[in-house]
């Protein structure tokens, strides 16, 4: 994963451990004030939310512990972490992508999984090169405008 993704993961863990835990604690406290806990749906819902939150925190902590930060490729050659501007040879609009881990991928935001077909076609290329991507509608050729 990229260093930015690790920072974002740590921020999310911190938010969950502080703000979200405090919010759920308040919900539990308010539900307890309603009396009998055996038939108190509000209390049981808050306790269930607390269990889900703790599971999510544990899962994210495990992801953080197992994370490997990979430095972005340098030297003008496309690789993991590269920011690439491409345009279709068919004259389509230019697009900018950053090649990231599968967990970070968000095509809508221009973040492509390094394992995706487009990233695989771009990998190892330089500005000025053309990459061929197999799509369900046939081959699509992308001209690499810039790499950073």
N, C-alpha and C. Protein backbone atom coordinates (compact mmCIF):
# COMPACT_ATOMS: atom_id res chain seq x y z
N UNK A 1 0.84 -1.18 0.00
CA UNK A 1 0.00 0.00 0.00
C UNK A 1 0.88 1.23 0.00
N UNK A 2 0.32 2.33 -0.42
CA UNK A 2 1.08 3.57 -0.44
C UNK A 2 1.16 4.16 0.96
N UNK A 3 2.11 5.05 1.17
CA UNK A 3 2.25 5.72 2.47
C UNK A 3 0.99 6.51 2.80
N UNK A 4 0.39 7.14 1.78
CA UNK A 4 -0.84 7.91 2.00
C UNK A 4 -1.98 7.01 2.48
N UNK A 5 -2.08 5.82 1.92
CA UNK A 5 -3.14 4.88 2.31
C UNK A 5 -2.93 4.42 3.74
N UNK A 6 -1.69 4.20 4.14
CA UNK A 6 -1.41 3.80 5.52
C UNK A 6 -1.78 4.93 6.48
N UNK A 7 -1.47 6.17 6.11
CA UNK A 7 -1.86 7.31 6.94
C UNK A 7 -3.38 7.40 7.07
N UNK A 8 -4.09 7.20 5.96
CA UNK A 8 -5.56 7.25 5.98
C UNK A 8 -6.13 6.12 6.85
N UNK A 9 -5.51 4.95 6.79
CA UNK A 9 -5.94 3.82 7.61
C UNK A 9 -5.77 4.15 9.09
N UNK A 10 -4.65 4.72 9.43
CA UNK A 10 -4.40 5.10 10.84
C UNK A 10 -5.37 6.18 11.31
N UNK A 11 -5.69 7.13 10.44
CA UNK A 11 -6.68 8.17 10.80
C UNK A 11 -8.05 7.55 11.04
N UNK A 12 -8.42 6.59 10.19
CA UNK A 12 -9.72 5.92 10.35
C UNK A 12 -9.76 5.14 11.67
N UNK A 13 -8.70 4.44 12.00
CA UNK A 13 -8.64 3.71 13.26
C UNK A 13 -8.77 4.68 14.43
N UNK A 14 -8.05 5.78 14.38
CA UNK A 14 -8.12 6.78 15.45
C UNK A 14 -9.54 7.33 15.59
N UNK A 15 -10.20 7.63 14.46
CA UNK A 15 -11.56 8.15 14.51
C UNK A 15 -12.52 7.14 15.13
N UNK A 16 -12.37 5.89 14.75
CA UNK A 16 -13.24 4.85 15.30
C UNK A 16 -13.00 4.65 16.79
N UNK A 17 -11.73 4.69 17.20
CA UNK A 17 -11.40 4.45 18.61
C UNK A 17 -11.75 5.63 19.51
N UNK A 18 -11.87 6.80 18.95
CA UNK A 18 -12.19 7.97 19.77
C UNK A 18 -13.66 8.37 19.57
N UNK A 19 -13.97 8.98 18.46
CA UNK A 19 -15.31 9.52 18.22
C UNK A 19 -16.40 8.46 18.23
N UNK A 20 -16.20 7.39 17.48
CA UNK A 20 -17.24 6.37 17.37
C UNK A 20 -17.45 5.62 18.68
N UNK A 21 -16.37 5.28 19.36
CA UNK A 21 -16.52 4.61 20.66
C UNK A 21 -17.27 5.49 21.64
N UNK A 22 -16.94 6.78 21.66
CA UNK A 22 -17.61 7.71 22.58
C UNK A 22 -19.09 7.83 22.23
N UNK A 23 -19.41 7.88 20.95
CA UNK A 23 -20.80 7.98 20.52
C UNK A 23 -21.61 6.76 20.96
N UNK A 24 -21.05 5.58 20.76
CA UNK A 24 -21.75 4.36 21.15
C UNK A 24 -21.87 4.26 22.66
N UNK A 25 -20.86 4.68 23.38
CA UNK A 25 -20.93 4.68 24.85
C UNK A 25 -22.08 5.57 25.32
N UNK A 26 -22.27 6.70 24.67
CA UNK A 26 -23.38 7.60 25.01
C UNK A 26 -24.73 6.93 24.71
N UNK A 27 -24.81 6.22 23.60
CA UNK A 27 -26.05 5.52 23.24
C UNK A 27 -26.39 4.46 24.28
N UNK A 28 -25.36 3.73 24.73
CA UNK A 28 -25.58 2.69 25.74
C UNK A 28 -26.02 3.33 27.05
N UNK A 29 -25.38 4.42 27.42
CA UNK A 29 -25.72 5.13 28.66
C UNK A 29 -27.18 5.61 28.61
N UNK A 30 -27.57 6.19 27.49
CA UNK A 30 -28.94 6.70 27.35
C UNK A 30 -29.94 5.55 27.39
N UNK A 31 -29.61 4.44 26.76
CA UNK A 31 -30.52 3.29 26.74
C UNK A 31 -30.67 2.68 28.13
N UNK A 32 -29.60 2.66 28.90
CA UNK A 32 -29.67 2.13 30.27
C UNK A 32 -30.63 2.93 31.14
N UNK A 33 -30.69 4.21 30.86
CA UNK A 33 -31.55 5.09 31.65
C UNK A 33 -33.04 4.77 31.45
N UNK A 34 -33.37 4.01 30.41
CA UNK A 34 -34.76 3.66 30.14
C UNK A 34 -35.27 2.51 31.00
N UNK A 35 -34.42 1.94 31.81
CA UNK A 35 -34.89 0.90 32.74
C UNK A 35 -34.46 -0.50 32.37
N UNK A 36 -35.36 -1.45 32.56
CA UNK A 36 -35.12 -2.89 32.40
C UNK A 36 -34.36 -3.19 31.11
N UNK A 37 -33.18 -3.81 31.27
CA UNK A 37 -32.32 -4.09 30.12
C UNK A 37 -32.76 -5.33 29.33
N UNK A 38 -33.53 -6.21 29.95
CA UNK A 38 -33.93 -7.44 29.28
C UNK A 38 -34.76 -7.16 28.03
N UNK A 39 -35.66 -6.21 28.10
CA UNK A 39 -36.55 -5.94 26.97
C UNK A 39 -36.32 -4.54 26.42
N UNK A 40 -35.10 -4.07 26.51
CA UNK A 40 -34.76 -2.72 26.06
C UNK A 40 -34.08 -2.83 24.68
N UNK A 41 -34.87 -2.68 23.62
CA UNK A 41 -34.35 -2.83 22.26
C UNK A 41 -33.26 -1.81 21.95
N UNK A 42 -33.42 -0.61 22.46
CA UNK A 42 -32.42 0.44 22.22
C UNK A 42 -31.06 0.04 22.79
N UNK A 43 -31.08 -0.54 23.98
CA UNK A 43 -29.85 -0.99 24.63
C UNK A 43 -29.20 -2.11 23.82
N UNK A 44 -30.00 -3.08 23.40
CA UNK A 44 -29.45 -4.21 22.64
C UNK A 44 -28.91 -3.77 21.29
N UNK A 45 -29.57 -2.82 20.66
CA UNK A 45 -29.07 -2.29 19.38
C UNK A 45 -27.74 -1.56 19.58
N UNK A 46 -27.62 -0.80 20.65
CA UNK A 46 -26.37 -0.08 20.93
C UNK A 46 -25.24 -1.06 21.25
N UNK A 47 -25.54 -2.12 21.97
CA UNK A 47 -24.52 -3.13 22.29
C UNK A 47 -24.09 -3.87 21.02
N UNK A 48 -25.03 -4.10 20.12
CA UNK A 48 -24.70 -4.76 18.86
C UNK A 48 -23.82 -3.84 18.01
N UNK A 49 -24.14 -2.56 17.99
CA UNK A 49 -23.32 -1.58 17.26
C UNK A 49 -21.92 -1.53 17.83
N UNK A 50 -21.82 -1.63 19.15
CA UNK A 50 -20.52 -1.63 19.82
C UNK A 50 -19.70 -2.86 19.39
N UNK A 51 -20.34 -4.01 19.32
CA UNK A 51 -19.64 -5.23 18.90
C UNK A 51 -19.15 -5.11 17.46
N UNK A 52 -19.99 -4.55 16.59
CA UNK A 52 -19.58 -4.36 15.19
C UNK A 52 -18.41 -3.39 15.10
N UNK A 53 -18.45 -2.33 15.88
CA UNK A 53 -17.37 -1.35 15.87
C UNK A 53 -16.05 -1.99 16.32
N UNK A 54 -16.09 -2.75 17.39
CA UNK A 54 -14.87 -3.38 17.90
C UNK A 54 -14.31 -4.39 16.89
N UNK A 55 -15.20 -5.09 16.19
CA UNK A 55 -14.75 -6.02 15.15
C UNK A 55 -14.07 -5.26 14.01
N UNK A 56 -14.67 -4.14 13.62
CA UNK A 56 -14.09 -3.34 12.54
C UNK A 56 -12.73 -2.79 12.96
N UNK A 57 -12.61 -2.31 14.18
CA UNK A 57 -11.32 -1.79 14.67
C UNK A 57 -10.27 -2.89 14.66
N UNK A 58 -10.65 -4.06 15.12
CA UNK A 58 -9.70 -5.18 15.15
C UNK A 58 -9.24 -5.55 13.74
N UNK A 59 -10.19 -5.57 12.79
CA UNK A 59 -9.86 -5.90 11.39
C UNK A 59 -8.91 -4.85 10.80
N UNK A 60 -9.17 -3.57 11.07
CA UNK A 60 -8.31 -2.51 10.55
C UNK A 60 -6.94 -2.53 11.22
N UNK A 61 -6.89 -2.85 12.51
CA UNK A 61 -5.60 -2.95 13.21
C UNK A 61 -4.77 -4.08 12.60
N UNK A 62 -5.40 -5.20 12.27
CA UNK A 62 -4.69 -6.31 11.65
C UNK A 62 -4.15 -5.89 10.29
N UNK A 63 -4.97 -5.16 9.54
CA UNK A 63 -4.54 -4.66 8.23
C UNK A 63 -3.35 -3.71 8.38
N UNK A 64 -3.39 -2.87 9.42
CA UNK A 64 -2.29 -1.94 9.67
C UNK A 64 -1.01 -2.70 10.02
N UNK A 65 -1.12 -3.71 10.87
CA UNK A 65 0.06 -4.48 11.27
C UNK A 65 0.68 -5.24 10.10
N UNK A 66 -0.16 -5.67 9.16
CA UNK A 66 0.34 -6.45 8.02
C UNK A 66 0.69 -5.59 6.80
N UNK A 67 0.50 -4.29 6.93
CA UNK A 67 0.72 -3.40 5.79
C UNK A 67 2.20 -3.32 5.42
N UNK A 68 2.43 -3.30 4.12
CA UNK A 68 3.76 -3.07 3.59
C UNK A 68 3.69 -1.83 2.72
N UNK A 69 4.44 -0.81 3.10
CA UNK A 69 4.44 0.42 2.33
C UNK A 69 5.42 0.26 1.18
N UNK A 70 4.93 0.50 -0.02
CA UNK A 70 5.75 0.37 -1.22
C UNK A 70 5.95 1.77 -1.78
N UNK A 71 7.18 2.13 -2.02
CA UNK A 71 7.48 3.45 -2.57
C UNK A 71 7.07 3.51 -4.04
N UNK A 72 6.67 4.67 -4.46
CA UNK A 72 6.26 4.87 -5.85
C UNK A 72 7.44 4.65 -6.79
N UNK A 73 7.12 4.12 -7.95
CA UNK A 73 8.14 3.91 -8.98
C UNK A 73 8.71 5.27 -9.40
N UNK A 74 9.98 5.28 -9.78
CA UNK A 74 10.63 6.53 -10.19
C UNK A 74 11.34 6.32 -11.52
N UNK A 75 11.93 7.37 -12.02
CA UNK A 75 12.73 7.27 -13.24
C UNK A 75 11.92 7.34 -14.52
N UNK A 76 10.67 7.78 -14.43
CA UNK A 76 9.87 7.93 -15.63
C UNK A 76 9.26 6.65 -16.14
N UNK A 77 9.47 5.54 -15.42
CA UNK A 77 8.90 4.26 -15.82
C UNK A 77 7.67 4.01 -14.96
N UNK A 78 6.57 3.62 -15.58
CA UNK A 78 5.33 3.38 -14.85
C UNK A 78 5.46 2.13 -13.99
N UNK A 79 5.04 2.27 -12.73
CA UNK A 79 5.03 1.16 -11.79
C UNK A 79 4.08 1.50 -10.65
N UNK A 80 4.14 0.70 -9.60
CA UNK A 80 3.26 0.93 -8.44
C UNK A 80 3.46 2.35 -7.91
N UNK A 81 2.36 3.05 -7.67
CA UNK A 81 2.40 4.40 -7.13
C UNK A 81 2.53 5.49 -8.17
N UNK A 82 2.77 5.14 -9.41
CA UNK A 82 2.92 6.15 -10.47
C UNK A 82 1.60 6.86 -10.73
N UNK A 83 1.73 8.13 -11.08
CA UNK A 83 0.59 8.92 -11.56
C UNK A 83 0.80 9.04 -13.07
N UNK A 84 -0.20 8.60 -13.82
CA UNK A 84 -0.07 8.49 -15.27
C UNK A 84 -1.20 9.25 -15.96
N UNK A 85 -0.85 10.08 -16.92
CA UNK A 85 -1.87 10.73 -17.74
C UNK A 85 -1.86 10.02 -19.08
N UNK A 86 -3.05 9.59 -19.51
CA UNK A 86 -3.18 8.88 -20.79
C UNK A 86 -4.30 9.50 -21.61
N UNK A 87 -4.25 9.24 -22.87
CA UNK A 87 -5.34 9.62 -23.77
C UNK A 87 -5.53 8.46 -24.73
N UNK A 88 -6.76 8.23 -25.12
CA UNK A 88 -7.03 7.16 -26.07
C UNK A 88 -6.57 7.55 -27.46
N UNK A 89 -6.08 6.59 -28.21
CA UNK A 89 -5.67 6.87 -29.59
C UNK A 89 -6.86 7.25 -30.45
N UNK A 90 -8.06 6.96 -29.95
CA UNK A 90 -9.28 7.31 -30.68
C UNK A 90 -9.69 8.76 -30.45
N UNK A 91 -8.84 9.52 -29.74
CA UNK A 91 -9.13 10.93 -29.48
C UNK A 91 -9.98 11.17 -28.25
N UNK A 92 -10.14 10.15 -27.41
CA UNK A 92 -10.95 10.30 -26.21
C UNK A 92 -10.29 11.27 -25.22
N UNK A 93 -11.07 11.72 -24.28
CA UNK A 93 -10.60 12.66 -23.27
C UNK A 93 -9.41 12.11 -22.51
N UNK A 94 -8.46 12.96 -22.13
CA UNK A 94 -7.35 12.51 -21.30
C UNK A 94 -7.85 12.06 -19.93
N UNK A 95 -7.16 11.13 -19.35
CA UNK A 95 -7.48 10.65 -18.00
C UNK A 95 -6.20 10.53 -17.22
N UNK A 96 -6.30 10.79 -15.92
CA UNK A 96 -5.13 10.64 -15.04
C UNK A 96 -5.44 9.54 -14.04
N UNK A 97 -4.50 8.61 -13.90
CA UNK A 97 -4.65 7.49 -12.98
C UNK A 97 -3.45 7.43 -12.06
N UNK A 98 -3.69 6.88 -10.88
CA UNK A 98 -2.60 6.55 -9.97
C UNK A 98 -2.72 5.06 -9.71
N UNK A 99 -1.62 4.33 -9.83
CA UNK A 99 -1.63 2.88 -9.65
C UNK A 99 -1.38 2.57 -8.18
N UNK A 100 -2.37 1.96 -7.54
CA UNK A 100 -2.34 1.72 -6.10
C UNK A 100 -2.71 0.27 -5.79
N UNK A 101 -2.72 -0.08 -4.51
CA UNK A 101 -3.10 -1.44 -4.11
C UNK A 101 -4.59 -1.64 -4.32
N UNK A 102 -5.00 -2.89 -4.33
CA UNK A 102 -6.41 -3.22 -4.55
C UNK A 102 -7.30 -2.60 -3.47
N UNK A 103 -6.82 -2.52 -2.23
CA UNK A 103 -7.61 -1.95 -1.14
C UNK A 103 -7.83 -0.45 -1.32
N UNK A 104 -6.91 0.23 -1.97
CA UNK A 104 -7.00 1.67 -2.16
C UNK A 104 -7.77 2.04 -3.42
N UNK A 105 -7.95 1.09 -4.32
CA UNK A 105 -8.51 1.38 -5.64
C UNK A 105 -9.88 2.04 -5.57
N UNK A 106 -10.05 3.05 -6.39
CA UNK A 106 -11.31 3.76 -6.55
C UNK A 106 -11.30 4.38 -7.95
N UNK A 107 -11.71 3.62 -8.95
CA UNK A 107 -11.65 4.12 -10.32
C UNK A 107 -12.31 5.48 -10.51
N UNK A 108 -13.40 5.73 -9.79
CA UNK A 108 -14.08 7.02 -9.89
C UNK A 108 -13.15 8.17 -9.52
N UNK A 109 -12.22 7.89 -8.59
CA UNK A 109 -11.27 8.91 -8.14
C UNK A 109 -9.94 8.83 -8.86
N UNK A 110 -9.85 8.01 -9.90
CA UNK A 110 -8.62 7.88 -10.66
C UNK A 110 -7.58 6.99 -10.00
N UNK A 111 -7.99 6.18 -9.03
CA UNK A 111 -7.08 5.27 -8.35
C UNK A 111 -7.32 3.85 -8.88
N UNK A 112 -6.39 3.35 -9.67
CA UNK A 112 -6.53 2.03 -10.28
C UNK A 112 -5.72 1.00 -9.52
N UNK A 113 -6.32 -0.17 -9.35
CA UNK A 113 -5.60 -1.28 -8.74
C UNK A 113 -4.43 -1.66 -9.63
N UNK A 114 -3.28 -1.86 -9.01
CA UNK A 114 -2.09 -2.25 -9.75
C UNK A 114 -2.31 -3.59 -10.45
N UNK A 115 -3.28 -4.36 -9.97
CA UNK A 115 -3.58 -5.67 -10.55
C UNK A 115 -4.60 -5.59 -11.69
N UNK A 116 -5.12 -4.41 -11.98
CA UNK A 116 -6.14 -4.27 -13.01
C UNK A 116 -5.54 -4.43 -14.41
N UNK A 117 -6.37 -4.77 -15.39
CA UNK A 117 -5.88 -4.90 -16.76
C UNK A 117 -5.24 -3.62 -17.30
N UNK A 118 -5.83 -2.46 -16.99
CA UNK A 118 -5.26 -1.20 -17.47
C UNK A 118 -3.87 -0.99 -16.86
N UNK A 119 -3.75 -1.19 -15.55
CA UNK A 119 -2.45 -1.01 -14.89
C UNK A 119 -1.43 -2.00 -15.44
N UNK A 120 -1.86 -3.23 -15.67
CA UNK A 120 -0.94 -4.24 -16.22
C UNK A 120 -0.43 -3.81 -17.59
N UNK A 121 -1.30 -3.21 -18.40
CA UNK A 121 -0.89 -2.75 -19.73
C UNK A 121 0.06 -1.56 -19.64
N UNK A 122 -0.13 -0.70 -18.64
CA UNK A 122 0.71 0.49 -18.49
C UNK A 122 2.05 0.20 -17.83
N UNK A 123 2.10 -0.82 -16.99
CA UNK A 123 3.29 -1.13 -16.20
C UNK A 123 4.54 -1.28 -17.08
N UNK A 124 5.59 -0.56 -16.71
CA UNK A 124 6.87 -0.64 -17.42
C UNK A 124 6.99 0.30 -18.60
N UNK A 125 5.93 0.98 -18.94
CA UNK A 125 5.96 1.90 -20.08
C UNK A 125 6.43 3.29 -19.64
N UNK A 126 6.72 4.15 -20.62
CA UNK A 126 7.18 5.53 -20.39
C UNK A 126 6.29 6.50 -21.16
N UNK A 127 6.42 7.79 -20.85
CA UNK A 127 5.69 8.82 -21.60
C UNK A 127 6.03 8.69 -23.08
N UNK A 128 5.01 8.78 -23.92
CA UNK A 128 5.19 8.64 -25.36
C UNK A 128 4.88 7.24 -25.87
N UNK A 129 4.93 6.24 -24.98
CA UNK A 129 4.61 4.87 -25.37
C UNK A 129 3.10 4.71 -25.53
N UNK A 130 2.72 3.60 -26.13
CA UNK A 130 1.31 3.24 -26.28
C UNK A 130 1.10 1.90 -25.60
N UNK A 131 0.00 1.79 -24.85
CA UNK A 131 -0.33 0.54 -24.18
C UNK A 131 -1.63 -0.01 -24.76
N UNK A 132 -1.68 -1.31 -24.96
CA UNK A 132 -2.87 -1.97 -25.49
C UNK A 132 -3.58 -2.68 -24.35
N UNK A 133 -4.86 -2.37 -24.17
CA UNK A 133 -5.66 -2.97 -23.11
C UNK A 133 -6.78 -3.77 -23.74
N UNK A 134 -6.86 -5.05 -23.38
CA UNK A 134 -7.95 -5.88 -23.87
C UNK A 134 -9.21 -5.57 -23.07
N UNK A 135 -10.29 -5.24 -23.76
CA UNK A 135 -11.57 -4.95 -23.12
C UNK A 135 -12.62 -5.85 -23.74
N UNK A 136 -13.79 -5.96 -23.13
CA UNK A 136 -14.86 -6.77 -23.72
C UNK A 136 -15.27 -6.28 -25.12
N UNK A 137 -15.04 -5.00 -25.40
CA UNK A 137 -15.37 -4.44 -26.72
C UNK A 137 -14.19 -4.44 -27.68
N UNK A 138 -13.15 -5.17 -27.33
CA UNK A 138 -11.96 -5.22 -28.18
C UNK A 138 -10.80 -4.46 -27.57
N UNK A 139 -9.72 -4.44 -28.30
CA UNK A 139 -8.51 -3.79 -27.81
C UNK A 139 -8.67 -2.27 -27.78
N UNK A 140 -8.21 -1.66 -26.70
CA UNK A 140 -8.21 -0.20 -26.57
C UNK A 140 -6.75 0.24 -26.41
N UNK A 141 -6.35 1.21 -27.19
CA UNK A 141 -4.97 1.67 -27.15
C UNK A 141 -4.91 3.02 -26.44
N UNK A 142 -4.01 3.09 -25.47
CA UNK A 142 -3.82 4.30 -24.68
C UNK A 142 -2.43 4.88 -24.94
N UNK A 143 -2.38 6.17 -25.26
CA UNK A 143 -1.11 6.85 -25.43
C UNK A 143 -0.75 7.49 -24.10
N UNK A 144 0.45 7.23 -23.62
CA UNK A 144 0.91 7.75 -22.33
C UNK A 144 1.45 9.16 -22.55
N UNK A 145 0.78 10.14 -21.91
CA UNK A 145 1.15 11.54 -22.05
C UNK A 145 2.25 11.90 -21.07
N UNK A 146 2.07 11.52 -19.80
CA UNK A 146 3.07 11.84 -18.78
C UNK A 146 3.06 10.82 -17.67
N UNK A 147 4.21 10.74 -16.97
CA UNK A 147 4.37 9.83 -15.83
C UNK A 147 5.04 10.62 -14.71
N UNK A 148 4.47 10.53 -13.52
CA UNK A 148 5.11 11.16 -12.36
C UNK A 148 4.97 10.29 -11.15
